[in-house]
Amino acid sequence: MDLSTYFRSTAAYRVRIALNHKQLEHTLIPVNLLVDGGQQKTTEYLHKSPNGLVPILETDDGVLHQSLAIMEYLEEKYPANPILPIDLMSRAQVRAFSQSIACDIHPLNNLRVLQYLSNELKVSDEAKKRWYVHWVHLGFSALEARLNASSGTQFCFGNEITMADICLVPQVYNAIRFNCPMDEYPNIVRINDNCLELDAFTKSSPSNQPDAI
């Protein structure tokens, strides 16, 4: 499998963790989102991914887009080292938590939104930072409240890694990178620290990628 990735991409980071957690062989194909206006905008890349986003996963079955869909595919095709619980209600709760990050927090703060704020709307760097921190705070506050019910567990849902943890860690990485205060989220910080002790997360971290700057 070939994964088109950018070292700081939150969505690509999720898929890297899932692949490494499941111990699946794959090749990383770096796509620089900044050089020459972004390699994701080239004709060759857009042929594979018309939305011009990373990640994409090229498999023997075809080309897959969107990190959550890719992780669901990996879970169904390679059930070893699962990232979803067996219980139906628990699976739904993990999916809901993951979507709260991937659908509610991340889209408001990803690269193309921040670039639009700066380049098209001429928003100042300070105002852009307030935008970023505002949406992260709203999202993290809700996640933190949800995690109060699991304050005695190692990860988001018990003591086994799930898709929820895989989505949480990249979002925390970006929040810290943009200097978002984390003092109000002790459960998030605790779970993030626990995850970063695991090889799958360490190997997937932006600083350990071949295209890291």
C-alpha atoms as a PDB file:
ATOM      1  CA  MET A   1       0.000   0.000   0.000  1.00  0.00           C
ATOM      2  CA  ASP A   2       1.136   3.527  -0.804  1.00  0.00           C
ATOM      3  CA  LEU A   3       0.151   6.405   1.466  1.00  0.00           C
ATOM      4  CA  SER A   4       0.341   9.936   0.106  1.00  0.00           C
ATOM      5  CA  THR A   5       1.150  11.983   3.175  1.00  0.00           C
ATOM      6  CA  TYR A   6       2.440  15.282   4.504  1.00  0.00           C
ATOM      7  CA  PHE A   7       4.291  15.156   7.798  1.00  0.00           C
ATOM      8  CA  ARG A   8       2.148  17.821   9.503  1.00  0.00           C
ATOM      9  CA  SER A   9      -1.181  16.798   8.000  1.00  0.00           C
ATOM     10  CA  THR A  10      -3.564  15.889  10.815  1.00  0.00           C
ATOM     11  CA  ALA A  11      -5.537  13.516   8.603  1.00  0.00           C
ATOM     12  CA  ALA A  12      -2.455  11.784   7.213  1.00  0.00           C
ATOM     13  CA  TYR A  13      -1.079  11.474  10.754  1.00  0.00           C
ATOM     14  CA  ARG A  14      -4.225   9.511  11.720  1.00  0.00           C
ATOM     15  CA  VAL A  15      -3.767   7.028   8.903  1.00  0.00           C
ATOM     16  CA  ARG A  16      -0.063   6.590   9.641  1.00  0.00           C
ATOM     17  CA  ILE A  17      -0.938   5.650  13.228  1.00  0.00           C
ATOM     18  CA  ALA A  18      -3.593   3.174  12.088  1.00  0.00           C
ATOM     19  CA  LEU A  19      -1.237   1.513   9.611  1.00  0.00           C
ATOM     20  CA  ASN A  20       1.529   1.245  12.191  1.00  0.00           C
ATOM     21  CA  HIS A  21      -0.813   0.058  14.940  1.00  0.00           C
ATOM     22  CA  LYS A  22      -2.048  -2.698  12.657  1.00  0.00           C
ATOM     23  CA  GLN A  23       1.545  -3.417  11.603  1.00  0.00           C
ATOM     24  CA  LEU A  24       0.694  -3.187   7.921  1.00  0.00           C
ATOM     25  CA  GLU A  25       3.452  -2.757   5.370  1.00  0.00           C
ATOM     26  CA  HIS A  26       3.165   0.469   3.431  1.00  0.00           C
ATOM     27  CA  THR A  27       5.218   3.013   1.546  1.00  0.00           C
ATOM     28  CA  LEU A  28       5.043   6.700   2.351  1.00  0.00           C
ATOM     29  CA  ILE A  29       4.742   9.080  -0.613  1.00  0.00           C
ATOM     30  CA  PRO A  30       5.479  12.615   0.647  1.00  0.00           C
ATOM     31  CA  VAL A  31       3.304  15.372  -0.808  1.00  0.00           C
ATOM     32  CA  ASN A  32       4.521  18.833   0.165  1.00  0.00           C
ATOM     33  CA  LEU A  33       1.471  21.044   0.738  1.00  0.00           C
ATOM     34  CA  LEU A  34       3.494  24.271   0.666  1.00  0.00           C
ATOM     35  CA  VAL A  35       6.214  24.080  -1.993  1.00  0.00           C
ATOM     36  CA  ASP A  36       5.349  25.641  -5.393  1.00  0.00           C
ATOM     37  CA  GLY A  37       1.825  26.380  -4.218  1.00  0.00           C
ATOM     38  CA  GLY A  38       1.301  22.815  -3.046  1.00  0.00           C
ATOM     39  CA  GLN A  39       2.115  19.499  -4.740  1.00  0.00           C
ATOM     40  CA  GLN A  40      -1.437  18.392  -3.972  1.00  0.00           C
ATOM     41  CA  LYS A  41      -2.604  20.795  -6.704  1.00  0.00           C
ATOM     42  CA  THR A  42      -0.639  19.199  -9.540  1.00  0.00           C
ATOM     43  CA  THR A  43      -2.534  17.557 -12.386  1.00  0.00           C
ATOM     44  CA  GLU A  44      -1.040  14.178 -11.514  1.00  0.00           C
ATOM     45  CA  TYR A  45      -2.161  14.356  -7.898  1.00  0.00           C
ATOM     46  CA  LEU A  46      -5.609  15.739  -8.700  1.00  0.00           C
ATOM     47  CA  HIS A  47      -6.142  12.786 -11.025  1.00  0.00           C
ATOM     48  CA  LYS A  48      -5.854  10.537  -7.973  1.00  0.00           C
ATOM     49  CA  SER A  49      -7.525  12.890  -5.508  1.00  0.00           C
ATOM     50  CA  PRO A  50      -9.844  15.458  -7.143  1.00  0.00           C
ATOM     51  CA  ASN A  51     -10.319  17.298  -3.835  1.00  0.00           C
ATOM     52  CA  GLY A  52      -6.574  17.923  -3.659  1.00  0.00           C
ATOM     53  CA  LEU A  53      -6.164  16.694  -0.106  1.00  0.00           C
ATOM     54  CA  VAL A  54      -3.974  14.234   1.745  1.00  0.00           C
ATOM     55  CA  PRO A  55      -4.038  11.455   2.627  1.00  0.00           C
ATOM     56  CA  ILE A  56      -4.863   9.016  -0.112  1.00  0.00           C
ATOM     57  CA  LEU A  57      -4.164   5.313   0.262  1.00  0.00           C
ATOM     58  CA  GLU A  58      -3.489   3.319  -2.878  1.00  0.00           C
ATOM     59  CA  THR A  59      -4.363  -0.335  -2.360  1.00  0.00           C
ATOM     60  CA  ASP A  60      -4.813  -3.426  -4.509  1.00  0.00           C
ATOM     61  CA  ASP A  61      -8.546  -2.737  -4.239  1.00  0.00           C
ATOM     62  CA  GLY A  62      -8.314   0.862  -5.452  1.00  0.00           C
ATOM     63  CA  VAL A  63      -7.578   4.378  -4.249  1.00  0.00           C
ATOM     64  CA  LEU A  64      -9.118   5.510  -0.962  1.00  0.00           C
ATOM     65  CA  HIS A  65      -9.732   9.054   0.304  1.00  0.00           C
ATOM     66  CA  GLN A  66     -10.683  10.559   3.674  1.00  0.00           C
ATOM     67  CA  SER A  67      -8.892   9.384   6.811  1.00  0.00           C
ATOM     68  CA  LEU A  68     -11.907   7.957   8.645  1.00  0.00           C
ATOM     69  CA  ALA A  69     -13.018   5.976   5.609  1.00  0.00           C
ATOM     70  CA  ILE A  70      -9.467   4.693   5.155  1.00  0.00           C
ATOM     71  CA  MET A  71      -9.316   3.576   8.786  1.00  0.00           C
ATOM     72  CA  GLU A  72     -12.690   1.830   8.488  1.00  0.00           C
ATOM     73  CA  TYR A  73     -11.397   0.017   5.398  1.00  0.00           C
ATOM     74  CA  LEU A  74      -8.243  -1.077   7.214  1.00  0.00           C
ATOM     75  CA  GLU A  75     -10.304  -2.268  10.174  1.00  0.00           C
ATOM     76  CA  GLU A  76     -12.581  -4.390   8.003  1.00  0.00           C
ATOM     77  CA  LYS A  77      -9.880  -5.801   5.737  1.00  0.00           C
ATOM     78  CA  TYR A  78      -7.251  -6.325   8.436  1.00  0.00           C
ATOM     79  CA  PRO A  79      -9.099  -7.006  11.719  1.00  0.00           C
ATOM     80  CA  ALA A  80      -5.957  -7.876  13.711  1.00  0.00           C
ATOM     81  CA  ASN A  81      -4.944  -5.192  16.212  1.00  0.00           C
ATOM     82  CA  PRO A  82      -8.445  -3.667  16.095  1.00  0.00           C
ATOM     83  CA  ILE A  83      -9.218   0.031  16.387  1.00  0.00           C
ATOM     84  CA  LEU A  84     -12.946  -0.411  17.015  1.00  0.00           C
ATOM     85  CA  PRO A  85     -14.527  -2.265  19.952  1.00  0.00           C
ATOM     86  CA  ILE A  86     -16.626  -5.382  19.443  1.00  0.00           C
ATOM     87  CA  ASP A  87     -19.731  -4.054  21.216  1.00  0.00           C
ATOM     88  CA  LEU A  88     -22.137  -2.205  18.906  1.00  0.00           C
ATOM     89  CA  MET A  89     -22.818   0.739  21.232  1.00  0.00           C
ATOM     90  CA  SER A  90     -19.127   1.140  22.052  1.00  0.00           C
ATOM     91  CA  ARG A  91     -18.279   1.193  18.346  1.00  0.00           C
ATOM     92  CA  ALA A  92     -20.824   3.949  17.794  1.00  0.00           C
ATOM     93  CA  GLN A  93     -19.394   5.957  20.689  1.00  0.00           C
ATOM     94  CA  VAL A  94     -15.844   5.643  19.343  1.00  0.00           C
ATOM     95  CA  ARG A  95     -17.024   6.715  15.894  1.00  0.00           C
ATOM     96  CA  ALA A  96     -18.886   9.698  17.352  1.00  0.00           C
ATOM     97  CA  PHE A  97     -15.812  10.820  19.317  1.00  0.00           C
ATOM     98  CA  SER A  98     -13.631  10.433  16.231  1.00  0.00           C
ATOM     99  CA  GLN A  99     -16.062  12.393  14.085  1.00  0.00           C
ATOM    100  CA  SER A 100     -16.214  15.168  16.678  1.00  0.00           C
ATOM    101  CA  ILE A 101     -12.534  15.696  15.945  1.00  0.00           C
ATOM    102  CA  ALA A 102     -12.404  14.951  12.227  1.00  0.00           C
ATOM    103  CA  CYS A 103     -15.648  16.731  11.309  1.00  0.00           C
ATOM    104  CA  ASP A 104     -16.120  19.468  13.929  1.00  0.00           C
ATOM    105  CA  ILE A 105     -12.650  20.627  15.022  1.00  0.00           C
ATOM    106  CA  HIS A 106     -10.186  19.840  12.267  1.00  0.00           C
ATOM    107  CA  PRO A 107     -11.996  21.268   9.199  1.00  0.00           C
ATOM    108  CA  LEU A 108     -12.158  24.741  10.734  1.00  0.00           C
ATOM    109  CA  ASN A 109      -8.414  24.807  11.359  1.00  0.00           C
ATOM    110  CA  ASN A 110      -6.808  22.942   8.498  1.00  0.00           C
ATOM    111  CA  LEU A 111      -4.250  24.470   6.144  1.00  0.00           C
ATOM    112  CA  ARG A 112      -6.540  25.599   3.343  1.00  0.00           C
ATOM    113  CA  VAL A 113      -8.892  27.367   5.773  1.00  0.00           C
ATOM    114  CA  LEU A 114      -6.002  29.170   7.481  1.00  0.00           C
ATOM    115  CA  GLN A 115      -4.567  30.114   4.097  1.00  0.00           C
ATOM    116  CA  TYR A 116      -7.940  31.516   3.005  1.00  0.00           C
ATOM    117  CA  LEU A 117      -8.188  33.588   6.170  1.00  0.00           C
ATOM    118  CA  SER A 118      -4.745  35.052   5.505  1.00  0.00           C
ATOM    119  CA  ASN A 119      -4.663  35.356   1.724  1.00  0.00           C
ATOM    120  CA  GLU A 120      -8.259  36.123   0.766  1.00  0.00           C
ATOM    121  CA  LEU A 121      -9.797  37.720   3.849  1.00  0.00           C
ATOM    122  CA  LYS A 122      -6.557  39.445   4.895  1.00  0.00           C
ATOM    123  CA  VAL A 123      -6.989  38.343   8.500  1.00  0.00           C
ATOM    124  CA  SER A 124      -4.051  39.271  10.723  1.00  0.00           C
ATOM    125  CA  ASP A 125      -1.875  36.583  12.252  1.00  0.00           C
ATOM    126  CA  GLU A 126      -3.203  37.489  15.699  1.00  0.00           C
ATOM    127  CA  ALA A 127      -6.833  37.219  14.590  1.00  0.00           C
ATOM    128  CA  LYS A 128      -6.089  33.934  12.833  1.00  0.00           C
ATOM    129  CA  LYS A 129      -4.591  32.591  16.037  1.00  0.00           C
ATOM    130  CA  ARG A 130      -7.727  33.637  17.975  1.00  0.00           C
ATOM    131  CA  TRP A 131      -9.827  31.798  15.365  1.00  0.00           C
ATOM    132  CA  TYR A 132      -7.750  28.664  15.794  1.00  0.00           C
ATOM    133  CA  VAL A 133      -7.782  28.722  19.599  1.00  0.00           C
ATOM    134  CA  HIS A 134     -11.532  29.455  19.713  1.00  0.00           C
ATOM    135  CA  TRP A 135     -12.546  26.385  17.739  1.00  0.00           C
ATOM    136  CA  VAL A 136     -10.046  24.106  19.445  1.00  0.00           C
ATOM    137  CA  HIS A 137     -11.306  25.280  22.848  1.00  0.00           C
ATOM    138  CA  LEU A 138     -14.951  24.596  21.938  1.00  0.00           C
ATOM    139  CA  GLY A 139     -14.092  21.156  20.604  1.00  0.00           C
ATOM    140  CA  PHE A 140     -11.673  20.131  23.324  1.00  0.00           C
ATOM    141  CA  SER A 141     -14.047  21.274  26.079  1.00  0.00           C
ATOM    142  CA  ALA A 142     -16.693  18.887  24.777  1.00  0.00           C
ATOM    143  CA  LEU A 143     -14.191  16.047  24.406  1.00  0.00           C
ATOM    144  CA  GLU A 144     -12.832  16.650  27.899  1.00  0.00           C
ATOM    145  CA  ALA A 145     -16.347  16.414  29.351  1.00  0.00           C
ATOM    146  CA  ARG A 146     -16.883  13.155  27.497  1.00  0.00           C
ATOM    147  CA  LEU A 147     -13.584  11.789  28.821  1.00  0.00           C
ATOM    148  CA  ASN A 148     -14.534  12.508  32.434  1.00  0.00           C
ATOM    149  CA  ALA A 149     -16.431   9.220  32.286  1.00  0.00           C
ATOM    150  CA  SER A 150     -13.182   7.402  31.440  1.00  0.00           C
ATOM    151  CA  SER A 151     -10.857   9.207  33.828  1.00  0.00           C
ATOM    152  CA  GLY A 152      -9.629   5.904  35.255  1.00  0.00           C
ATOM    153  CA  THR A 153      -8.676   4.369  31.912  1.00  0.00           C
ATOM    154  CA  GLN A 154      -5.470   4.536  29.940  1.00  0.00           C
ATOM    155  CA  PHE A 155      -7.058   5.620  26.666  1.00  0.00           C
ATOM    156  CA  CYS A 156     -10.252   7.301  25.441  1.00  0.00           C
ATOM    157  CA  PHE A 157     -12.392   4.170  25.685  1.00  0.00           C
ATOM    158  CA  GLY A 158     -10.835   1.754  28.108  1.00  0.00           C
ATOM    159  CA  ASN A 159      -7.334   0.348  28.080  1.00  0.00           C
ATOM    160  CA  GLU A 160      -7.094  -0.504  24.401  1.00  0.00           C
ATOM    161  CA  ILE A 161      -6.291   1.821  21.519  1.00  0.00           C
ATOM    162  CA  THR A 162      -9.252   2.812  19.361  1.00  0.00           C
ATOM    163  CA  MET A 163      -9.896   5.127  16.459  1.00  0.00           C
ATOM    164  CA  ALA A 164     -10.746   7.792  19.045  1.00  0.00           C
ATOM    165  CA  ASP A 165      -7.147   7.882  20.317  1.00  0.00           C
ATOM    166  CA  ILE A 166      -5.844   7.816  16.757  1.00  0.00           C
ATOM    167  CA  CYS A 167      -7.870  10.949  15.983  1.00  0.00           C
ATOM    168  CA  LEU A 168      -7.107  12.685  19.275  1.00  0.00           C
ATOM    169  CA  VAL A 169      -3.308  12.628  19.206  1.00  0.00           C
ATOM    170  CA  PRO A 170      -2.818  14.441  15.865  1.00  0.00           C
ATOM    171  CA  GLN A 171      -5.301  17.117  16.924  1.00  0.00           C
ATOM    172  CA  VAL A 172      -3.421  17.651  20.188  1.00  0.00           C
ATOM    173  CA  TYR A 173      -0.167  17.888  18.240  1.00  0.00           C
ATOM    174  CA  ASN A 174      -1.601  20.698  16.142  1.00  0.00           C
ATOM    175  CA  ALA A 175      -3.128  22.454  19.149  1.00  0.00           C
ATOM    176  CA  ILE A 176       0.236  22.495  20.910  1.00  0.00           C
ATOM    177  CA  ARG A 177       1.948  23.636  17.716  1.00  0.00           C
ATOM    178  CA  PHE A 178      -0.378  26.659  17.633  1.00  0.00           C
ATOM    179  CA  ASN A 179       0.204  27.350  21.340  1.00  0.00           C
ATOM    180  CA  CYS A 180      -3.304  26.481  22.473  1.00  0.00           C
ATOM    181  CA  PRO A 181      -3.485  26.383  26.294  1.00  0.00           C
ATOM    182  CA  MET A 182      -4.001  22.778  27.449  1.00  0.00           C
ATOM    183  CA  ASP A 183      -4.437  23.264  31.215  1.00  0.00           C
ATOM    184  CA  GLU A 184      -8.220  22.882  31.021  1.00  0.00           C
ATOM    185  CA  TYR A 185      -7.988  19.427  29.436  1.00  0.00           C
ATOM    186  CA  PRO A 186      -6.229  17.069  31.876  1.00  0.00           C
ATOM    187  CA  ASN A 187      -7.897  13.950  30.457  1.00  0.00           C
ATOM    188  CA  ILE A 188      -6.888  14.847  26.918  1.00  0.00           C
ATOM    189  CA  VAL A 189      -3.313  15.555  28.006  1.00  0.00           C
ATOM    190  CA  ARG A 190      -3.129  12.306  30.007  1.00  0.00           C
ATOM    191  CA  ILE A 191      -4.408  10.168  27.136  1.00  0.00           C
ATOM    192  CA  ASN A 192      -2.174  11.925  24.627  1.00  0.00           C
ATOM    193  CA  ASP A 193       0.872  11.256  26.833  1.00  0.00           C
ATOM    194  CA  ASN A 194      -0.093   7.591  27.215  1.00  0.00           C
ATOM    195  CA  CYS A 195      -0.468   7.172  23.460  1.00  0.00           C
ATOM    196  CA  LEU A 196       2.876   8.786  22.728  1.00  0.00           C
ATOM    197  CA  GLU A 197       4.589   6.067  24.745  1.00  0.00           C
ATOM    198  CA  LEU A 198       3.512   3.497  22.130  1.00  0.00           C
ATOM    199  CA  ASP A 199       5.636   2.642  19.094  1.00  0.00           C
ATOM    200  CA  ALA A 200       2.794   3.080  16.600  1.00  0.00           C
ATOM    201  CA  PHE A 201       2.304   6.678  17.692  1.00  0.00           C
ATOM    202  CA  THR A 202       5.993   7.499  18.009  1.00  0.00           C
ATOM    203  CA  LYS A 203       6.783   6.084  14.583  1.00  0.00           C
ATOM    204  CA  SER A 204       3.918   8.082  13.072  1.00  0.00           C
ATOM    205  CA  SER A 205       4.730  11.429  14.682  1.00  0.00           C
ATOM    206  CA  PRO A 206       5.508  14.349  12.345  1.00  0.00           C
ATOM    207  CA  SER A 207       9.083  14.690  13.578  1.00  0.00           C
ATOM    208  CA  ASN A 208       9.830  11.094  12.554  1.00  0.00           C
ATOM    209  CA  GLN A 209       8.615  11.403   8.967  1.00  0.00           C
ATOM    210  CA  PRO A 210      10.970  11.368   5.978  1.00  0.00           C
ATOM    211  CA  ASP A 211       9.635  14.724   4.786  1.00  0.00           C
ATOM    212  CA  ALA A 212       9.887  16.432   8.186  1.00  0.00           C
ATOM    213  CA  ILE A 213      11.410  19.883   7.921  1.00  0.00           C
END
